[in-house]
Amino acid sequence: MPTIAESLAALQSAALRGESVDVAAYAKAKTALAAEKLLAEVRADVDRDRDSAERAARSDQANAEREAQVNALIDRARKV
């Protein structure tokens, strides 16, 4: 089964050769291709957001660990 891009290219080629082209099929293929591109962009955005969130979580965890170490040192210093 051809991809949407392949179907659209075939319809465009047929039109350029002067063959009769189903305008509704062309419009559907063009819309579907635009939707595929948009979906790919959204997925890329989601992946970037996920990566950013994971980095932020690791940074927050590291900050919390450093804060706990500093607090432990402060508590130990107060006891001396």
PDB file of N, CA and C in Angstrom:
ATOM      1  N   MET A   1       0.853  -1.172   0.000  1.00  0.00           N
ATOM      2  CA  MET A   1       0.000   0.000   0.000  1.00  0.00           C
ATOM      3  C   MET A   1       0.905   1.243   0.000  1.00  0.00           C
ATOM      4  N   PRO A   2       0.643   2.158  -0.912  1.00  0.00           N
ATOM      5  CA  PRO A   2       1.494   3.355  -0.981  1.00  0.00           C
ATOM      6  C   PRO A   2       1.252   4.297   0.197  1.00  0.00           C
ATOM      7  N   THR A   3       2.287   5.033   0.518  1.00  0.00           N
ATOM      8  CA  THR A   3       2.149   6.020   1.586  1.00  0.00           C
ATOM      9  C   THR A   3       1.318   7.191   1.077  1.00  0.00           C
ATOM     10  N   ILE A   4       0.928   8.044   1.997  1.00  0.00           N
ATOM     11  CA  ILE A   4       0.156   9.224   1.608  1.00  0.00           C
ATOM     12  C   ILE A   4       0.976  10.094   0.664  1.00  0.00           C
ATOM     13  N   ALA A   5       2.253  10.274   0.981  1.00  0.00           N
ATOM     14  CA  ALA A   5       3.125  11.091   0.126  1.00  0.00           C
ATOM     15  C   ALA A   5       3.231  10.485  -1.272  1.00  0.00           C
ATOM     16  N   GLU A   6       3.336   9.162  -1.345  1.00  0.00           N
ATOM     17  CA  GLU A   6       3.413   8.495  -2.645  1.00  0.00           C
ATOM     18  C   GLU A   6       2.114   8.654  -3.420  1.00  0.00           C
ATOM     19  N   SER A   7       0.996   8.536  -2.739  1.00  0.00           N
ATOM     20  CA  SER A   7      -0.303   8.716  -3.393  1.00  0.00           C
ATOM     21  C   SER A   7      -0.448  10.131  -3.931  1.00  0.00           C
ATOM     22  N   LEU A   8      -0.054  11.094  -3.119  1.00  0.00           N
ATOM     23  CA  LEU A   8      -0.135  12.489  -3.539  1.00  0.00           C
ATOM     24  C   LEU A   8       0.785  12.735  -4.734  1.00  0.00           C
ATOM     25  N   ALA A   9       1.985  12.188  -4.689  1.00  0.00           N
ATOM     26  CA  ALA A   9       2.926  12.350  -5.804  1.00  0.00           C
ATOM     27  C   ALA A   9       2.368  11.726  -7.079  1.00  0.00           C
ATOM     28  N   ALA A  10       1.730  10.577  -6.957  1.00  0.00           N
ATOM     29  CA  ALA A  10       1.138   9.924  -8.126  1.00  0.00           C
ATOM     30  C   ALA A  10       0.018  10.779  -8.712  1.00  0.00           C
ATOM     31  N   LEU A  11      -0.807  11.348  -7.848  1.00  0.00           N
ATOM     32  CA  LEU A  11      -1.886  12.218  -8.322  1.00  0.00           C
ATOM     33  C   LEU A  11      -1.321  13.466  -8.994  1.00  0.00           C
ATOM     34  N   GLN A  12      -0.272  14.041  -8.412  1.00  0.00           N
ATOM     35  CA  GLN A  12       0.345  15.228  -9.005  1.00  0.00           C
ATOM     36  C   GLN A  12       0.972  14.891 -10.359  1.00  0.00           C
ATOM     37  N   SER A  13       1.624  13.750 -10.438  1.00  0.00           N
ATOM     38  CA  SER A  13       2.231  13.329 -11.709  1.00  0.00           C
ATOM     39  C   SER A  13       1.171  13.125 -12.777  1.00  0.00           C
ATOM     40  N   ALA A  14       0.079  12.499 -12.379  1.00  0.00           N
ATOM     41  CA  ALA A  14      -1.012  12.281 -13.326  1.00  0.00           C
ATOM     42  C   ALA A  14      -1.554  13.616 -13.826  1.00  0.00           C
ATOM     43  N   ALA A  15      -1.714  14.559 -12.927  1.00  0.00           N
ATOM     44  CA  ALA A  15      -2.222  15.879 -13.317  1.00  0.00           C
ATOM     45  C   ALA A  15      -1.242  16.565 -14.265  1.00  0.00           C
ATOM     46  N   LEU A  16       0.056  16.447 -13.995  1.00  0.00           N
ATOM     47  CA  LEU A  16       1.063  17.065 -14.862  1.00  0.00           C
ATOM     48  C   LEU A  16       1.090  16.424 -16.249  1.00  0.00           C
ATOM     49  N   ARG A  17       0.749  15.148 -16.313  1.00  0.00           N
ATOM     50  CA  ARG A  17       0.699  14.457 -17.604  1.00  0.00           C
ATOM     51  C   ARG A  17      -0.600  14.754 -18.341  1.00  0.00           C
ATOM     52  N   GLY A  18      -1.479  15.520 -17.706  1.00  0.00           N
ATOM     53  CA  GLY A  18      -2.747  15.881 -18.336  1.00  0.00           C
ATOM     54  C   GLY A  18      -3.835  14.843 -18.156  1.00  0.00           C
ATOM     55  N   GLU A  19      -3.584  13.873 -17.302  1.00  0.00           N
ATOM     56  CA  GLU A  19      -4.586  12.838 -17.049  1.00  0.00           C
ATOM     57  C   GLU A  19      -5.656  13.382 -16.113  1.00  0.00           C
ATOM     58  N   SER A  20      -6.805  12.752 -16.153  1.00  0.00           N
ATOM     59  CA  SER A  20      -7.898  13.132 -15.264  1.00  0.00           C
ATOM     60  C   SER A  20      -7.540  12.727 -13.833  1.00  0.00           C
ATOM     61  N   VAL A  21      -7.745  13.646 -12.907  1.00  0.00           N
ATOM     62  CA  VAL A  21      -7.396  13.394 -11.509  1.00  0.00           C
ATOM     63  C   VAL A  21      -8.629  13.627 -10.649  1.00  0.00           C
ATOM     64  N   ASP A  22      -8.857  12.723  -9.718  1.00  0.00           N
ATOM     65  CA  ASP A  22      -9.963  12.873  -8.766  1.00  0.00           C
ATOM     66  C   ASP A  22      -9.588  13.979  -7.785  1.00  0.00           C
ATOM     67  N   VAL A  23     -10.269  15.109  -7.913  1.00  0.00           N
ATOM     68  CA  VAL A  23      -9.953  16.277  -7.092  1.00  0.00           C
ATOM     69  C   VAL A  23     -10.179  15.980  -5.613  1.00  0.00           C
ATOM     70  N   ALA A  24     -11.209  15.240  -5.292  1.00  0.00           N
ATOM     71  CA  ALA A  24     -11.484  14.909  -3.889  1.00  0.00           C
ATOM     72  C   ALA A  24     -10.361  14.039  -3.320  1.00  0.00           C
ATOM     73  N   ALA A  25      -9.888  13.080  -4.103  1.00  0.00           N
ATOM     74  CA  ALA A  25      -8.790  12.218  -3.645  1.00  0.00           C
ATOM     75  C   ALA A  25      -7.524  13.044  -3.454  1.00  0.00           C
ATOM     76  N   TYR A  26      -7.290  13.981  -4.367  1.00  0.00           N
ATOM     77  CA  TYR A  26      -6.117  14.856  -4.246  1.00  0.00           C
ATOM     78  C   TYR A  26      -6.216  15.695  -2.973  1.00  0.00           C
ATOM     79  N   ALA A  27      -7.388  16.286  -2.732  1.00  0.00           N
ATOM     80  CA  ALA A  27      -7.584  17.118  -1.536  1.00  0.00           C
ATOM     81  C   ALA A  27      -7.414  16.291  -0.266  1.00  0.00           C
ATOM     82  N   LYS A  28      -7.956  15.081  -0.269  1.00  0.00           N
ATOM     83  CA  LYS A  28      -7.817  14.210   0.901  1.00  0.00           C
ATOM     84  C   LYS A  28      -6.351  13.852   1.141  1.00  0.00           C
ATOM     85  N   ALA A  29      -5.636  13.523   0.080  1.00  0.00           N
ATOM     86  CA  ALA A  29      -4.225  13.157   0.218  1.00  0.00           C
ATOM     87  C   ALA A  29      -3.414  14.348   0.712  1.00  0.00           C
ATOM     88  N   LYS A  30      -3.708  15.528   0.183  1.00  0.00           N
ATOM     89  CA  LYS A  30      -2.989  16.735   0.607  1.00  0.00           C
ATOM     90  C   LYS A  30      -3.266  17.022   2.087  1.00  0.00           C
ATOM     91  N   THR A  31      -4.517  16.897   2.500  1.00  0.00           N
ATOM     92  CA  THR A  31      -4.887  17.118   3.896  1.00  0.00           C
ATOM     93  C   THR A  31      -4.254  16.065   4.803  1.00  0.00           C
ATOM     94  N   ALA A  32      -4.271  14.820   4.372  1.00  0.00           N
ATOM     95  CA  ALA A  32      -3.677  13.743   5.172  1.00  0.00           C
ATOM     96  C   ALA A  32      -2.169  13.941   5.317  1.00  0.00           C
ATOM     97  N   LEU A  33      -1.509  14.386   4.252  1.00  0.00           N
ATOM     98  CA  LEU A  33      -0.070  14.627   4.329  1.00  0.00           C
ATOM     99  C   LEU A  33       0.229  15.766   5.299  1.00  0.00           C
ATOM    100  N   ALA A  34      -0.577  16.819   5.254  1.00  0.00           N
ATOM    101  CA  ALA A  34      -0.398  17.934   6.194  1.00  0.00           C
ATOM    102  C   ALA A  34      -0.614  17.454   7.625  1.00  0.00           C
ATOM    103  N   ALA A  35      -1.608  16.590   7.827  1.00  0.00           N
ATOM    104  CA  ALA A  35      -1.876  16.054   9.166  1.00  0.00           C
ATOM    105  C   ALA A  35      -0.711  15.188   9.644  1.00  0.00           C
ATOM    106  N   GLU A  36      -0.141  14.384   8.737  1.00  0.00           N
ATOM    107  CA  GLU A  36       1.025  13.564   9.097  1.00  0.00           C
ATOM    108  C   GLU A  36       2.196  14.433   9.531  1.00  0.00           C
ATOM    109  N   LYS A  37       2.432  15.508   8.780  1.00  0.00           N
ATOM    110  CA  LYS A  37       3.533  16.412   9.122  1.00  0.00           C
ATOM    111  C   LYS A  37       3.288  17.067  10.476  1.00  0.00           C
ATOM    112  N   LEU A  38       2.056  17.501  10.714  1.00  0.00           N
ATOM    113  CA  LEU A  38       1.717  18.124  11.993  1.00  0.00           C
ATOM    114  C   LEU A  38       1.890  17.131  13.137  1.00  0.00           C
ATOM    115  N   LEU A  39       1.449  15.903  12.930  1.00  0.00           N
ATOM    116  CA  LEU A  39       1.597  14.873  13.955  1.00  0.00           C
ATOM    117  C   LEU A  39       3.073  14.617  14.262  1.00  0.00           C
ATOM    118  N   ALA A  40       3.903  14.588  13.232  1.00  0.00           N
ATOM    119  CA  ALA A  40       5.337  14.387  13.442  1.00  0.00           C
ATOM    120  C   ALA A  40       5.929  15.545  14.248  1.00  0.00           C
ATOM    121  N   GLU A  41       5.492  16.769  13.959  1.00  0.00           N
ATOM    122  CA  GLU A  41       5.974  17.934  14.711  1.00  0.00           C
ATOM    123  C   GLU A  41       5.536  17.859  16.171  1.00  0.00           C
ATOM    124  N   VAL A  42       4.286  17.470  16.392  1.00  0.00           N
ATOM    125  CA  VAL A  42       3.766  17.364  17.759  1.00  0.00           C
ATOM    126  C   VAL A  42       4.529  16.287  18.524  1.00  0.00           C
ATOM    127  N   ARG A  43       4.774  15.159  17.872  1.00  0.00           N
ATOM    128  CA  ARG A  43       5.534  14.089  18.532  1.00  0.00           C
ATOM    129  C   ARG A  43       6.945  14.556  18.891  1.00  0.00           C
ATOM    130  N   ALA A  44       7.565  15.311  17.992  1.00  0.00           N
ATOM    131  CA  ALA A  44       8.906  15.838  18.274  1.00  0.00           C
ATOM    132  C   ALA A  44       8.856  16.806  19.454  1.00  0.00           C
ATOM    133  N   ASP A  45       7.805  17.640  19.499  1.00  0.00           N
ATOM    134  CA  ASP A  45       7.646  18.566  20.628  1.00  0.00           C
ATOM    135  C   ASP A  45       7.468  17.803  21.939  1.00  0.00           C
ATOM    136  N   VAL A  46       6.671  16.746  21.900  1.00  0.00           N
ATOM    137  CA  VAL A  46       6.439  15.929  23.098  1.00  0.00           C
ATOM    138  C   VAL A  46       7.751  15.301  23.562  1.00  0.00           C
ATOM    139  N   ASP A  47       8.527  14.785  22.611  1.00  0.00           N
ATOM    140  CA  ASP A  47       9.822  14.187  22.970  1.00  0.00           C
ATOM    141  C   ASP A  47      10.748  15.219  23.602  1.00  0.00           C
ATOM    142  N   ARG A  48      10.785  16.434  23.022  1.00  0.00           N
ATOM    143  CA  ARG A  48      11.625  17.491  23.599  1.00  0.00           C
ATOM    144  C   ARG A  48      11.136  17.871  24.989  1.00  0.00           C
ATOM    145  N   ASP A  49       9.809  17.980  25.154  1.00  0.00           N
ATOM    146  CA  ASP A  49       9.259  18.317  26.468  1.00  0.00           C
ATOM    147  C   ASP A  49       9.575  17.232  27.490  1.00  0.00           C
ATOM    148  N   ARG A  50       9.469  15.976  27.074  1.00  0.00           N
ATOM    149  CA  ARG A  50       9.767  14.860  27.974  1.00  0.00           C
ATOM    150  C   ARG A  50      11.235  14.912  28.388  1.00  0.00           C
ATOM    151  N   ASP A  51      12.117  15.142  27.415  1.00  0.00           N
ATOM    152  CA  ASP A  51      13.545  15.233  27.730  1.00  0.00           C
ATOM    153  C   ASP A  51      13.813  16.378  28.697  1.00  0.00           C
ATOM    154  N   SER A  52      13.173  17.518  28.460  1.00  0.00           N
ATOM    155  CA  SER A  52      13.356  18.674  29.351  1.00  0.00           C
ATOM    156  C   SER A  52      12.853  18.362  30.753  1.00  0.00           C
ATOM    157  N   ALA A  53      11.706  17.709  30.838  1.00  0.00           N
ATOM    158  CA  ALA A  53      11.139  17.365  32.146  1.00  0.00           C
ATOM    159  C   ALA A  53      12.042  16.379  32.884  1.00  0.00           C
ATOM    160  N   GLU A  54      12.587  15.409  32.150  1.00  0.00           N
ATOM    161  CA  GLU A  54      13.482  14.438  32.783  1.00  0.00           C
ATOM    162  C   GLU A  54      14.758  15.119  33.279  1.00  0.00           C
ATOM    163  N   ARG A  55      15.304  16.043  32.484  1.00  0.00           N
ATOM    164  CA  ARG A  55      16.497  16.782  32.925  1.00  0.00           C
ATOM    165  C   ARG A  55      16.179  17.617  34.152  1.00  0.00           C
ATOM    166  N   ALA A  56      15.018  18.274  34.145  1.00  0.00           N
ATOM    167  CA  ALA A  56      14.622  19.097  35.293  1.00  0.00           C
ATOM    168  C   ALA A  56      14.450  18.234  36.535  1.00  0.00           C
ATOM    169  N   ALA A  57      13.860  17.052  36.379  1.00  0.00           N
ATOM    170  CA  ALA A  57      13.670  16.155  37.523  1.00  0.00           C
ATOM    171  C   ALA A  57      15.018  15.696  38.078  1.00  0.00           C
ATOM    172  N   ARG A  58      15.955  15.365  37.183  1.00  0.00           N
ATOM    173  CA  ARG A  58      17.292  14.957  37.649  1.00  0.00           C
ATOM    174  C   ARG A  58      17.989  16.110  38.359  1.00  0.00           C
ATOM    175  N   SER A  59      17.837  17.304  37.822  1.00  0.00           N
ATOM    176  CA  SER A  59      18.448  18.483  38.441  1.00  0.00           C
ATOM    177  C   SER A  59      17.835  18.746  39.810  1.00  0.00           C
ATOM    178  N   ASP A  60      16.504  18.652  39.893  1.00  0.00           N
ATOM    179  CA  ASP A  60      15.825  18.853  41.178  1.00  0.00           C
ATOM    180  C   ASP A  60      16.280  17.821  42.203  1.00  0.00           C
ATOM    181  N   GLN A  61      16.425  16.576  41.768  1.00  0.00           N
ATOM    182  CA  GLN A  61      16.869  15.510  42.663  1.00  0.00           C
ATOM    183  C   GLN A  61      18.285  15.792  43.155  1.00  0.00           C
ATOM    184  N   ALA A  62      19.156  16.202  42.239  1.00  0.00           N
ATOM    185  CA  ALA A  62      20.539  16.513  42.625  1.00  0.00           C
ATOM    186  C   ALA A  62      20.567  17.690  43.593  1.00  0.00           C
ATOM    187  N   ASN A  63      19.743  18.701  43.342  1.00  0.00           N
ATOM    188  CA  ASN A  63      19.677  19.852  44.248  1.00  0.00           C
ATOM    189  C   ASN A  63      19.185  19.435  45.630  1.00  0.00           C
ATOM    190  N   ALA A  64      18.185  18.566  45.669  1.00  0.00           N
ATOM    191  CA  ALA A  64      17.653  18.098  46.953  1.00  0.00           C
ATOM    192  C   ALA A  64      18.719  17.307  47.715  1.00  0.00           C
ATOM    193  N   GLU A  65      19.474  16.489  46.994  1.00  0.00           N
ATOM    194  CA  GLU A  65      20.541  15.719  47.644  1.00  0.00           C
ATOM    195  C   GLU A  65      21.625  16.641  48.194  1.00  0.00           C
ATOM    196  N   ARG A  66      22.008  17.656  47.415  1.00  0.00           N
ATOM    197  CA  ARG A  66      23.015  18.615  47.900  1.00  0.00           C
ATOM    198  C   ARG A  66      22.495  19.382  49.105  1.00  0.00           C
ATOM    199  N   GLU A  67      21.224  19.774  49.054  1.00  0.00           N
ATOM    200  CA  GLU A  67      20.633  20.496  50.185  1.00  0.00           C
ATOM    201  C   GLU A  67      20.629  19.620  51.433  1.00  0.00           C
ATOM    202  N   ALA A  68      20.306  18.343  51.276  1.00  0.00           N
ATOM    203  CA  ALA A  68      20.309  17.423  52.415  1.00  0.00           C
ATOM    204  C   ALA A  68      21.720  17.276  52.982  1.00  0.00           C
ATOM    205  N   GLN A  69      22.719  17.208  52.113  1.00  0.00           N
ATOM    206  CA  GLN A  69      24.104  17.113  52.584  1.00  0.00           C
ATOM    207  C   GLN A  69      24.508  18.369  53.349  1.00  0.00           C
ATOM    208  N   VAL A  70      24.140  19.532  52.810  1.00  0.00           N
ATOM    209  CA  VAL A  70      24.476  20.793  53.481  1.00  0.00           C
ATOM    210  C   VAL A  70      23.779  20.867  54.829  1.00  0.00           C
ATOM    211  N   ASN A  71      22.506  20.492  54.869  1.00  0.00           N
ATOM    212  CA  ASN A  71      21.766  20.514  56.137  1.00  0.00           C
ATOM    213  C   ASN A  71      22.384  19.555  57.152  1.00  0.00           C
ATOM    214  N   ALA A  72      22.834  18.402  56.679  1.00  0.00           N
ATOM    215  CA  ALA A  72      23.486  17.444  57.581  1.00  0.00           C
ATOM    216  C   ALA A  72      24.785  18.027  58.128  1.00  0.00           C
ATOM    217  N   LEU A  73      25.542  18.706  57.281  1.00  0.00           N
ATOM    218  CA  LEU A  73      26.783  19.337  57.738  1.00  0.00           C
ATOM    219  C   LEU A  73      26.495  20.445  58.744  1.00  0.00           C
ATOM    220  N   ILE A  74      25.453  21.221  58.493  1.00  0.00           N
ATOM    221  CA  ILE A  74      25.070  22.295  59.422  1.00  0.00           C
ATOM    222  C   ILE A  74      24.660  21.702  60.762  1.00  0.00           C
ATOM    223  N   ASP A  75      23.847  20.646  60.736  1.00  0.00           N
ATOM    224  CA  ASP A  75      23.418  19.992  61.979  1.00  0.00           C
ATOM    225  C   ASP A  75      24.618  19.444  62.749  1.00  0.00           C
ATOM    226  N   ARG A  76      25.543  18.829  62.034  1.00  0.00           N
ATOM    227  CA  ARG A  76      26.732  18.281  62.677  1.00  0.00           C
ATOM    228  C   ARG A  76      27.578  19.402  63.288  1.00  0.00           C
ATOM    229  N   ALA A  77      27.691  20.511  62.577  1.00  0.00           N
ATOM    230  CA  ALA A  77      28.479  21.642  63.085  1.00  0.00           C
ATOM    231  C   ALA A  77      27.831  22.247  64.323  1.00  0.00           C
ATOM    232  N   ARG A  78      26.524  22.259  64.386  1.00  0.00           N
ATOM    233  CA  ARG A  78      25.827  22.816  65.552  1.00  0.00           C
ATOM    234  C   ARG A  78      26.036  21.948  66.793  1.00  0.00           C
ATOM    235  N   LYS A  79      26.202  20.653  66.593  1.00  0.00           N
ATOM    236  CA  LYS A  79      26.377  19.730  67.714  1.00  0.00           C
ATOM    237  C   LYS A  79      27.773  19.812  68.312  1.00  0.00           C
ATOM    238  N   VAL A  80      28.703  20.333  67.559  1.00  0.00           N
ATOM    239  CA  VAL A  80      30.098  20.379  68.038  1.00  0.00           C
ATOM    240  C   VAL A  80      30.308  21.520  68.979  1.00  0.00           C
TER     241      VAL A  80
END
